[in-house]
Amino acid sequence: MNKSRIEALTDGIFAVVMTLTVLEFKVPEDGNLFSPNVLLMLLIYITTFVALASIWNSLHHVMTFIKSNKIDELILWSNHWILLIVCLFPFSTVAHAEHTNSLTASLAYVSTYLIPWISLIVFSHQIIYKQYKGVLLFEREIWKELKSF
């Protein structure tokens, strides 16, 4: 698969997820936009948007390590795994915002944050290992080569 196609898919999914996250929040029936509940939901939305933007930035940066224009199946499915978890952000964000005292809603919210970051670490190691012929990310020679970008 062509690298630009997976980047376009990733960009599109992030755009939709970021939009859906804000659309999930409803205006309160009394119209009070400054109530503590609405302000809490706004804070949760802002942190979610920043988290999604950070994940998108990091994923874009990791993709720049791919030297060829071809994407193999392992990289493709690793990217899809990250996108699968990213698509859960609107659900877990609203669940957490509407049920702030629920342990399961809070765990889902935190897990939705942590799993993409852990996956990105594994994904970046996988790309570096494949692209640089078995060199591990933390080996000294790779840093010299990466600094030349």
N, C-alpha and C. Protein backbone atom coordinates (compact mmCIF):
# COMPACT_ATOMS: atom_id res chain seq x y z
N MET A 1 0.83 -1.17 0.00
CA MET A 1 0.00 0.00 0.00
C MET A 1 0.88 1.24 0.00
N ASN A 2 0.39 2.27 -0.61
CA ASN A 2 1.09 3.54 -0.72
C ASN A 2 1.01 4.30 0.61
N LYS A 3 2.11 4.89 1.02
CA LYS A 3 2.20 5.62 2.28
C LYS A 3 1.20 6.78 2.34
N SER A 4 1.00 7.48 1.25
CA SER A 4 0.10 8.63 1.25
C SER A 4 -1.35 8.23 1.50
N ARG A 5 -1.73 7.02 1.09
CA ARG A 5 -3.11 6.55 1.33
C ARG A 5 -3.37 6.32 2.81
N ILE A 6 -2.43 5.72 3.50
CA ILE A 6 -2.62 5.49 4.93
C ILE A 6 -2.59 6.81 5.70
N GLU A 7 -1.78 7.76 5.24
CA GLU A 7 -1.74 9.07 5.88
C GLU A 7 -3.07 9.80 5.67
N ALA A 8 -3.65 9.70 4.49
CA ALA A 8 -4.94 10.34 4.22
C ALA A 8 -6.05 9.71 5.06
N LEU A 9 -6.05 8.39 5.17
CA LEU A 9 -7.04 7.72 6.01
C LEU A 9 -6.90 8.16 7.46
N THR A 10 -5.68 8.21 7.95
CA THR A 10 -5.43 8.62 9.33
C THR A 10 -5.90 10.05 9.56
N ASP A 11 -5.57 10.96 8.65
CA ASP A 11 -6.00 12.35 8.78
C ASP A 11 -7.53 12.45 8.80
N GLY A 12 -8.19 11.71 7.93
CA GLY A 12 -9.65 11.75 7.87
C GLY A 12 -10.29 11.22 9.14
N ILE A 13 -9.77 10.13 9.67
CA ILE A 13 -10.34 9.57 10.89
C ILE A 13 -10.14 10.52 12.06
N PHE A 14 -8.98 11.11 12.17
CA PHE A 14 -8.75 12.06 13.26
C PHE A 14 -9.68 13.27 13.12
N ALA A 15 -9.91 13.76 11.92
CA ALA A 15 -10.81 14.90 11.71
C ALA A 15 -12.23 14.55 12.15
N VAL A 16 -12.69 13.36 11.78
CA VAL A 16 -14.04 12.94 12.15
C VAL A 16 -14.16 12.75 13.66
N VAL A 17 -13.18 12.09 14.26
CA VAL A 17 -13.23 11.84 15.71
C VAL A 17 -13.19 13.15 16.48
N MET A 18 -12.36 14.09 16.07
CA MET A 18 -12.28 15.38 16.77
C MET A 18 -13.61 16.13 16.66
N THR A 19 -14.26 16.02 15.51
CA THR A 19 -15.55 16.68 15.31
C THR A 19 -16.64 15.99 16.11
N LEU A 20 -16.67 14.66 16.06
CA LEU A 20 -17.70 13.92 16.79
C LEU A 20 -17.62 14.15 18.29
N THR A 21 -16.43 14.34 18.79
CA THR A 21 -16.26 14.54 20.23
C THR A 21 -17.04 15.77 20.70
N VAL A 22 -16.95 16.86 19.98
CA VAL A 22 -17.67 18.06 20.41
C VAL A 22 -19.16 17.94 20.12
N LEU A 23 -19.54 17.23 19.07
CA LEU A 23 -20.96 17.08 18.75
C LEU A 23 -21.70 16.21 19.75
N GLU A 24 -20.97 15.40 20.51
CA GLU A 24 -21.59 14.53 21.51
C GLU A 24 -22.12 15.32 22.71
N PHE A 25 -21.60 16.51 22.94
CA PHE A 25 -22.05 17.30 24.08
C PHE A 25 -23.30 18.08 23.71
N LYS A 26 -24.27 18.04 24.60
CA LYS A 26 -25.56 18.70 24.36
C LYS A 26 -25.67 19.97 25.20
N VAL A 27 -26.41 20.94 24.64
CA VAL A 27 -26.69 22.17 25.38
C VAL A 27 -27.68 21.81 26.49
N PRO A 28 -27.45 22.28 27.72
CA PRO A 28 -28.37 21.95 28.81
C PRO A 28 -29.77 22.52 28.55
N GLU A 29 -30.77 21.86 29.10
CA GLU A 29 -32.16 22.27 28.89
C GLU A 29 -32.44 23.67 29.42
N ASP A 30 -31.78 24.04 30.52
CA ASP A 30 -32.02 25.37 31.08
C ASP A 30 -31.23 26.46 30.34
N GLY A 31 -30.34 26.07 29.43
CA GLY A 31 -29.59 27.03 28.63
C GLY A 31 -28.42 27.67 29.35
N ASN A 32 -28.14 27.27 30.57
CA ASN A 32 -27.05 27.85 31.35
C ASN A 32 -25.72 27.23 30.91
N LEU A 33 -24.98 27.97 30.10
CA LEU A 33 -23.71 27.48 29.58
C LEU A 33 -22.56 27.62 30.57
N PHE A 34 -22.83 28.26 31.71
CA PHE A 34 -21.78 28.45 32.70
C PHE A 34 -22.02 27.62 33.96
N SER A 35 -22.86 26.62 33.86
CA SER A 35 -23.09 25.75 35.01
C SER A 35 -21.84 24.89 35.23
N PRO A 36 -21.63 24.40 36.44
CA PRO A 36 -20.44 23.57 36.71
C PRO A 36 -20.37 22.33 35.82
N ASN A 37 -21.50 21.73 35.51
CA ASN A 37 -21.50 20.55 34.64
C ASN A 37 -21.04 20.87 33.23
N VAL A 38 -21.50 21.98 32.69
CA VAL A 38 -21.10 22.37 31.33
C VAL A 38 -19.62 22.75 31.30
N LEU A 39 -19.17 23.46 32.32
CA LEU A 39 -17.75 23.84 32.37
C LEU A 39 -16.86 22.61 32.52
N LEU A 40 -17.30 21.62 33.30
CA LEU A 40 -16.54 20.37 33.42
C LEU A 40 -16.50 19.65 32.07
N MET A 41 -17.63 19.59 31.38
CA MET A 41 -17.67 18.94 30.07
C MET A 41 -16.76 19.68 29.08
N LEU A 42 -16.74 20.99 29.15
CA LEU A 42 -15.86 21.78 28.27
C LEU A 42 -14.40 21.48 28.57
N LEU A 43 -14.05 21.39 29.83
CA LEU A 43 -12.67 21.06 30.22
C LEU A 43 -12.30 19.66 29.71
N ILE A 44 -13.19 18.71 29.87
CA ILE A 44 -12.93 17.35 29.39
C ILE A 44 -12.80 17.34 27.87
N TYR A 45 -13.65 18.11 27.17
CA TYR A 45 -13.54 18.19 25.71
C TYR A 45 -12.19 18.77 25.30
N ILE A 46 -11.77 19.84 25.95
CA ILE A 46 -10.49 20.49 25.59
C ILE A 46 -9.33 19.53 25.81
N THR A 47 -9.32 18.82 26.93
CA THR A 47 -8.22 17.87 27.17
C THR A 47 -8.25 16.73 26.16
N THR A 48 -9.45 16.31 25.77
CA THR A 48 -9.56 15.26 24.75
C THR A 48 -9.05 15.76 23.41
N PHE A 49 -9.41 16.98 23.03
CA PHE A 49 -8.95 17.54 21.76
C PHE A 49 -7.43 17.65 21.74
N VAL A 50 -6.85 18.13 22.83
CA VAL A 50 -5.39 18.25 22.92
C VAL A 50 -4.73 16.87 22.84
N ALA A 51 -5.33 15.89 23.52
CA ALA A 51 -4.78 14.53 23.47
C ALA A 51 -4.83 13.98 22.05
N LEU A 52 -5.95 14.17 21.37
CA LEU A 52 -6.07 13.69 19.98
C LEU A 52 -5.08 14.41 19.07
N ALA A 53 -4.93 15.70 19.25
CA ALA A 53 -3.96 16.45 18.43
C ALA A 53 -2.54 15.96 18.70
N SER A 54 -2.22 15.66 19.94
CA SER A 54 -0.89 15.15 20.28
C SER A 54 -0.64 13.78 19.66
N ILE A 55 -1.65 12.92 19.73
CA ILE A 55 -1.51 11.59 19.14
C ILE A 55 -1.35 11.71 17.62
N TRP A 56 -2.14 12.58 17.00
CA TRP A 56 -2.03 12.77 15.54
C TRP A 56 -0.64 13.29 15.19
N ASN A 57 -0.15 14.29 15.94
CA ASN A 57 1.19 14.83 15.68
C ASN A 57 2.25 13.75 15.80
N SER A 58 2.15 12.95 16.85
CA SER A 58 3.14 11.89 17.07
C SER A 58 3.07 10.82 16.00
N LEU A 59 1.87 10.44 15.62
CA LEU A 59 1.71 9.44 14.57
C LEU A 59 2.27 9.96 13.24
N HIS A 60 2.03 11.22 12.94
CA HIS A 60 2.59 11.83 11.73
C HIS A 60 4.12 11.81 11.79
N HIS A 61 4.67 12.14 12.95
CA HIS A 61 6.12 12.15 13.10
C HIS A 61 6.70 10.74 12.93
N VAL A 62 6.04 9.74 13.51
CA VAL A 62 6.51 8.36 13.38
C VAL A 62 6.48 7.93 11.91
N MET A 63 5.47 8.35 11.18
CA MET A 63 5.35 7.96 9.77
C MET A 63 6.48 8.57 8.92
N THR A 64 7.08 9.65 9.38
CA THR A 64 8.18 10.24 8.62
C THR A 64 9.43 9.36 8.65
N PHE A 65 9.49 8.42 9.60
CA PHE A 65 10.63 7.51 9.65
C PHE A 65 10.59 6.46 8.54
N ILE A 66 9.44 6.31 7.91
CA ILE A 66 9.33 5.32 6.84
C ILE A 66 9.99 5.90 5.59
N LYS A 67 11.06 5.24 5.16
CA LYS A 67 11.86 5.75 4.05
C LYS A 67 11.20 5.49 2.69
N SER A 68 10.60 4.33 2.52
CA SER A 68 10.00 4.01 1.23
C SER A 68 8.56 4.50 1.18
N ASN A 69 7.99 4.47 0.01
CA ASN A 69 6.61 4.88 -0.17
C ASN A 69 5.65 3.72 0.07
N LYS A 70 6.18 2.52 0.24
CA LYS A 70 5.36 1.33 0.43
C LYS A 70 5.18 1.02 1.91
N ILE A 71 3.97 0.63 2.27
CA ILE A 71 3.64 0.25 3.64
C ILE A 71 3.35 -1.25 3.65
N ASP A 72 4.01 -1.98 4.55
CA ASP A 72 3.74 -3.41 4.62
C ASP A 72 2.54 -3.68 5.54
N GLU A 73 2.11 -4.92 5.58
CA GLU A 73 0.91 -5.30 6.33
C GLU A 73 1.04 -5.03 7.82
N LEU A 74 2.20 -5.29 8.39
CA LEU A 74 2.38 -5.10 9.83
C LEU A 74 2.24 -3.62 10.21
N ILE A 75 2.83 -2.74 9.44
CA ILE A 75 2.72 -1.31 9.71
C ILE A 75 1.28 -0.86 9.48
N LEU A 76 0.66 -1.36 8.42
CA LEU A 76 -0.72 -1.00 8.12
C LEU A 76 -1.66 -1.38 9.26
N TRP A 77 -1.56 -2.62 9.75
CA TRP A 77 -2.44 -3.07 10.81
C TRP A 77 -2.10 -2.44 12.15
N SER A 78 -0.85 -2.09 12.38
CA SER A 78 -0.48 -1.36 13.60
C SER A 78 -1.13 0.02 13.60
N ASN A 79 -1.12 0.67 12.46
CA ASN A 79 -1.76 1.98 12.33
C ASN A 79 -3.27 1.84 12.54
N HIS A 80 -3.86 0.79 11.96
CA HIS A 80 -5.30 0.56 12.15
C HIS A 80 -5.65 0.33 13.62
N TRP A 81 -4.79 -0.36 14.35
CA TRP A 81 -5.02 -0.59 15.78
C TRP A 81 -5.09 0.76 16.51
N ILE A 82 -4.16 1.65 16.21
CA ILE A 82 -4.16 2.96 16.85
C ILE A 82 -5.44 3.72 16.49
N LEU A 83 -5.84 3.64 15.23
CA LEU A 83 -7.06 4.33 14.79
C LEU A 83 -8.31 3.75 15.46
N LEU A 84 -8.31 2.44 15.69
CA LEU A 84 -9.44 1.80 16.37
C LEU A 84 -9.62 2.40 17.76
N ILE A 85 -8.54 2.54 18.49
CA ILE A 85 -8.62 3.10 19.84
C ILE A 85 -8.98 4.59 19.78
N VAL A 86 -8.42 5.30 18.82
CA VAL A 86 -8.74 6.73 18.68
C VAL A 86 -10.24 6.93 18.43
N CYS A 87 -10.85 6.02 17.70
CA CYS A 87 -12.29 6.13 17.41
C CYS A 87 -13.15 5.97 18.67
N LEU A 88 -12.58 5.45 19.74
CA LEU A 88 -13.32 5.30 21.00
C LEU A 88 -13.32 6.59 21.83
N PHE A 89 -12.54 7.58 21.44
CA PHE A 89 -12.44 8.82 22.21
C PHE A 89 -13.79 9.50 22.43
N PRO A 90 -14.64 9.69 21.40
CA PRO A 90 -15.92 10.36 21.68
C PRO A 90 -16.76 9.63 22.73
N PHE A 91 -16.82 8.32 22.63
CA PHE A 91 -17.60 7.52 23.57
C PHE A 91 -17.05 7.64 24.99
N SER A 92 -15.75 7.41 25.15
CA SER A 92 -15.18 7.44 26.50
C SER A 92 -15.18 8.86 27.09
N THR A 93 -15.04 9.86 26.24
CA THR A 93 -15.06 11.25 26.73
C THR A 93 -16.44 11.60 27.28
N VAL A 94 -17.48 11.29 26.52
CA VAL A 94 -18.84 11.61 26.97
C VAL A 94 -19.21 10.75 28.18
N ALA A 95 -18.83 9.49 28.18
CA ALA A 95 -19.12 8.63 29.34
C ALA A 95 -18.48 9.20 30.60
N HIS A 96 -17.25 9.66 30.47
CA HIS A 96 -16.55 10.24 31.63
C HIS A 96 -17.18 11.58 32.04
N ALA A 97 -17.54 12.39 31.07
CA ALA A 97 -18.12 13.70 31.38
C ALA A 97 -19.50 13.58 32.03
N GLU A 98 -20.28 12.62 31.59
CA GLU A 98 -21.64 12.48 32.12
C GLU A 98 -21.69 11.64 33.39
N HIS A 99 -20.67 10.83 33.63
CA HIS A 99 -20.64 9.96 34.81
C HIS A 99 -19.29 10.09 35.51
N THR A 100 -19.03 11.27 36.04
CA THR A 100 -17.72 11.55 36.63
C THR A 100 -17.42 10.70 37.86
N ASN A 101 -18.43 10.17 38.51
CA ASN A 101 -18.21 9.35 39.70
C ASN A 101 -18.12 7.86 39.38
N SER A 102 -18.26 7.50 38.12
CA SER A 102 -18.23 6.09 37.72
C SER A 102 -16.78 5.63 37.52
N LEU A 103 -16.42 4.57 38.23
CA LEU A 103 -15.07 4.03 38.09
C LEU A 103 -14.83 3.48 36.69
N THR A 104 -15.81 2.78 36.14
CA THR A 104 -15.63 2.19 34.80
C THR A 104 -15.53 3.27 33.72
N ALA A 105 -16.31 4.33 33.86
CA ALA A 105 -16.21 5.43 32.88
C ALA A 105 -14.85 6.10 32.97
N SER A 106 -14.35 6.28 34.17
CA SER A 106 -13.03 6.89 34.35
C SER A 106 -11.93 5.98 33.82
N LEU A 107 -12.05 4.67 34.09
CA LEU A 107 -11.05 3.72 33.56
C LEU A 107 -11.07 3.68 32.04
N ALA A 108 -12.25 3.72 31.45
CA ALA A 108 -12.35 3.73 29.98
C ALA A 108 -11.70 4.99 29.42
N TYR A 109 -11.94 6.11 30.08
CA TYR A 109 -11.36 7.39 29.64
C TYR A 109 -9.83 7.35 29.71
N VAL A 110 -9.30 6.90 30.83
CA VAL A 110 -7.84 6.83 31.00
C VAL A 110 -7.24 5.80 30.04
N SER A 111 -7.88 4.67 29.89
CA SER A 111 -7.39 3.63 28.97
C SER A 111 -7.36 4.13 27.53
N THR A 112 -8.38 4.91 27.16
CA THR A 112 -8.43 5.45 25.81
C THR A 112 -7.27 6.42 25.58
N TYR A 113 -6.79 7.04 26.63
CA TYR A 113 -5.61 7.91 26.52
C TYR A 113 -4.32 7.10 26.46
N LEU A 114 -4.21 6.10 27.32
CA LEU A 114 -2.94 5.38 27.46
C LEU A 114 -2.66 4.40 26.33
N ILE A 115 -3.65 3.69 25.87
CA ILE A 115 -3.43 2.65 24.85
C ILE A 115 -2.82 3.21 23.57
N PRO A 116 -3.30 4.34 23.04
CA PRO A 116 -2.64 4.87 21.82
C PRO A 116 -1.18 5.25 22.05
N TRP A 117 -0.85 5.78 23.23
CA TRP A 117 0.54 6.16 23.50
C TRP A 117 1.44 4.94 23.60
N ILE A 118 0.98 3.91 24.28
CA ILE A 118 1.75 2.67 24.35
C ILE A 118 1.89 2.08 22.96
N SER A 119 0.81 2.10 22.20
CA SER A 119 0.84 1.57 20.82
C SER A 119 1.78 2.37 19.94
N LEU A 120 1.82 3.69 20.13
CA LEU A 120 2.74 4.52 19.35
C LEU A 120 4.19 4.20 19.65
N ILE A 121 4.49 3.90 20.90
CA ILE A 121 5.86 3.53 21.26
C ILE A 121 6.24 2.23 20.54
N VAL A 122 5.36 1.24 20.62
CA VAL A 122 5.62 -0.04 19.95
C VAL A 122 5.70 0.17 18.44
N PHE A 123 4.80 0.97 17.89
CA PHE A 123 4.76 1.25 16.45
C PHE A 123 6.06 1.91 15.99
N SER A 124 6.54 2.89 16.75
CA SER A 124 7.77 3.58 16.35
C SER A 124 8.97 2.64 16.41
N HIS A 125 9.03 1.79 17.43
CA HIS A 125 10.11 0.81 17.51
C HIS A 125 10.05 -0.15 16.32
N GLN A 126 8.85 -0.56 15.98
CA GLN A 126 8.66 -1.48 14.85
C GLN A 126 9.14 -0.84 13.55
N ILE A 127 8.78 0.40 13.31
CA ILE A 127 9.19 1.09 12.07
C ILE A 127 10.70 1.27 12.04
N ILE A 128 11.27 1.75 13.13
CA ILE A 128 12.72 1.96 13.18
C ILE A 128 13.45 0.64 12.95
N TYR A 129 12.99 -0.41 13.58
CA TYR A 129 13.63 -1.73 13.45
C TYR A 129 13.58 -2.22 12.00
N LYS A 130 12.42 -2.05 11.34
CA LYS A 130 12.27 -2.50 9.95
C LYS A 130 13.06 -1.61 8.98
N GLN A 131 12.99 -0.31 9.19
CA GLN A 131 13.60 0.62 8.24
C GLN A 131 15.12 0.64 8.34
N TYR A 132 15.64 0.38 9.51
CA TYR A 132 17.08 0.47 9.72
C TYR A 132 17.72 -0.88 9.97
N LYS A 133 17.13 -1.90 9.36
CA LYS A 133 17.70 -3.26 9.30
C LYS A 133 18.08 -3.83 10.67
N GLY A 134 17.12 -3.87 11.56
CA GLY A 134 17.34 -4.54 12.83
C GLY A 134 18.00 -3.71 13.91
N VAL A 135 18.19 -2.44 13.69
CA VAL A 135 18.80 -1.59 14.71
C VAL A 135 17.72 -1.18 15.69
N LEU A 136 17.98 -1.31 16.96
CA LEU A 136 17.02 -0.89 17.97
C LEU A 136 17.04 0.62 18.13
N LEU A 137 15.90 1.17 18.51
CA LEU A 137 15.74 2.62 18.59
C LEU A 137 16.74 3.28 19.52
N PHE A 138 17.05 2.64 20.62
CA PHE A 138 17.91 3.27 21.60
C PHE A 138 19.40 3.05 21.36
N GLU A 139 19.76 2.41 20.29
CA GLU A 139 21.18 2.23 20.01
C GLU A 139 21.78 3.54 19.52
N ARG A 140 22.99 3.73 19.82
CA ARG A 140 23.67 5.00 19.58
C ARG A 140 23.72 5.39 18.10
N GLU A 141 23.98 4.44 17.21
CA GLU A 141 24.13 4.76 15.79
C GLU A 141 22.85 5.33 15.18
N ILE A 142 21.71 4.87 15.65
CA ILE A 142 20.46 5.33 15.07
C ILE A 142 20.23 6.80 15.37
N TRP A 143 20.62 7.25 16.55
CA TRP A 143 20.45 8.64 16.88
C TRP A 143 21.27 9.55 15.96
N LYS A 144 22.46 9.10 15.61
CA LYS A 144 23.28 9.88 14.69
C LYS A 144 22.60 10.00 13.34
N GLU A 145 22.01 8.89 12.88
CA GLU A 145 21.33 8.90 11.58
C GLU A 145 20.05 9.72 11.63
N LEU A 146 19.31 9.64 12.71
CA LEU A 146 18.06 10.38 12.82
C LEU A 146 18.29 11.88 12.92
N LYS A 147 19.39 12.29 13.52
CA LYS A 147 19.69 13.72 13.64
C LYS A 147 19.96 14.36 12.27
N SER A 148 20.32 13.54 11.30
CA SER A 148 20.62 14.10 9.98
C SER A 148 19.36 14.43 9.18
N PHE A 149 18.16 14.06 9.69
CA PHE A 149 16.91 14.35 8.97
C PHE A 149 16.62 15.82 8.98
